[in-house]
Amino acid sequence: MLSDESRIVWSMALFRMFSAAVEFTAALLMLRFQRVDTAFQINAALGLFGPSIMVIVSVLGLVGLAGRVSYSKLVLIAAGVMLILYAARK
């Protein structure tokens, strides 16, 4: 039976693999359609998808660290994730 930590690591890895599969499929669709406007729309959809995956994986990581890292460090890590998202929008 997997430990809680192993489950979290597996979940994080599976979300990243899913993300990679979506990105690869999007790239193939861009090549399939051979149109700049369609490729741009696909890229825009990925722009929404990518940060969502990052937040989900980060939350899983925070949950895994919750028992071993102090509350103040967890807050700093969460703030760092939010700053990354904020900086990527501007």
Protein backbone atom coordinates (compact mmCIF):
# COMPACT_ATOMS: atom_id res chain seq x y z
CA MET A 1 0.00 0.00 0.00
CA LEU A 2 1.28 3.47 -0.88
CA SER A 3 2.03 5.99 1.82
CA ASP A 4 0.32 9.37 1.81
CA GLU A 5 3.52 10.98 0.53
CA SER A 6 3.79 8.48 -2.33
CA ARG A 7 0.16 9.12 -3.29
CA ILE A 8 0.79 12.85 -3.41
CA VAL A 9 3.94 12.42 -5.52
CA TRP A 10 2.11 10.07 -7.88
CA SER A 11 -0.78 12.52 -8.16
CA MET A 12 1.59 15.39 -8.91
CA ALA A 13 3.38 13.34 -11.56
CA LEU A 14 0.14 12.16 -13.15
CA PHE A 15 -1.17 15.73 -13.41
CA ARG A 16 2.08 16.74 -15.11
CA MET A 17 1.87 13.77 -17.50
CA PHE A 18 -1.71 14.72 -18.31
CA SER A 19 -0.58 18.29 -18.92
CA ALA A 20 2.20 17.09 -21.22
CA ALA A 21 -0.28 14.96 -23.17
CA VAL A 22 -2.61 17.94 -23.60
CA GLU A 23 0.29 20.16 -24.74
CA PHE A 24 1.50 17.53 -27.21
CA THR A 25 -2.02 17.03 -28.57
CA ALA A 26 -2.38 20.79 -28.98
CA ALA A 27 0.88 20.92 -30.94
CA LEU A 28 -0.33 18.13 -33.21
CA LEU A 29 -3.64 19.96 -33.75
CA MET A 30 -1.75 23.12 -34.70
CA LEU A 31 0.18 21.13 -37.30
CA ARG A 32 -2.97 19.39 -38.49
CA PHE A 33 -4.95 22.58 -39.10
CA GLN A 34 -2.05 24.58 -40.57
CA ARG A 35 -3.75 27.90 -39.87
CA VAL A 36 -2.31 30.71 -37.79
CA ASP A 37 -5.70 31.76 -36.42
CA THR A 38 -6.53 28.22 -35.30
CA ALA A 39 -3.06 27.71 -33.80
CA PHE A 40 -3.46 31.01 -31.95
CA GLN A 41 -6.81 29.89 -30.51
CA ILE A 42 -5.31 26.57 -29.41
CA ASN A 43 -2.43 28.43 -27.80
CA ALA A 44 -4.86 30.72 -25.98
CA ALA A 45 -6.67 27.69 -24.56
CA LEU A 46 -3.34 26.31 -23.36
CA GLY A 47 -2.66 29.65 -21.69
CA LEU A 48 -5.64 28.99 -19.45
CA PHE A 49 -4.88 25.32 -18.96
CA GLY A 50 -1.20 25.60 -17.95
CA PRO A 51 -1.63 27.82 -14.89
CA SER A 52 -4.51 25.65 -13.69
CA ILE A 53 -2.28 22.58 -13.71
CA MET A 54 0.49 24.51 -11.96
CA VAL A 55 -1.91 25.56 -9.19
CA ILE A 56 -3.27 22.03 -8.76
CA VAL A 57 0.20 20.49 -8.58
CA SER A 58 1.37 23.24 -6.21
CA VAL A 59 -1.61 22.68 -3.90
CA LEU A 60 -0.87 18.95 -3.85
CA GLY A 61 2.74 19.74 -2.96
CA LEU A 62 1.62 22.10 -0.18
CA VAL A 63 -0.68 19.42 1.20
CA GLY A 64 2.24 17.00 1.21
CA LEU A 65 4.48 19.48 2.99
CA ALA A 66 1.86 20.61 5.49
CA GLY A 67 2.98 18.33 8.30
CA ARG A 68 6.71 18.94 7.91
CA VAL A 69 7.04 22.63 7.11
CA SER A 70 6.15 25.48 9.42
CA TYR A 71 3.01 27.49 8.79
CA SER A 72 5.02 30.61 7.91
CA LYS A 73 7.00 28.72 5.26
CA LEU A 74 3.80 27.29 3.77
CA VAL A 75 2.43 30.83 3.52
CA LEU A 76 5.65 31.95 1.79
CA ILE A 77 5.47 29.05 -0.68
CA ALA A 78 1.81 29.82 -1.44
CA ALA A 79 2.68 33.50 -1.88
CA GLY A 80 5.46 32.51 -4.27
CA VAL A 81 3.03 30.50 -6.40
CA MET A 82 0.62 33.45 -6.46
CA LEU A 83 3.43 35.82 -7.45
CA ILE A 84 4.41 33.53 -10.32
CA LEU A 85 0.82 33.58 -11.57
CA TYR A 86 0.59 37.35 -11.14
CA ALA A 87 3.88 37.96 -12.95
CA ALA A 88 2.89 35.69 -15.83
CA ARG A 89 -0.27 37.75 -16.44
CA LYS A 90 1.43 41.11 -16.89
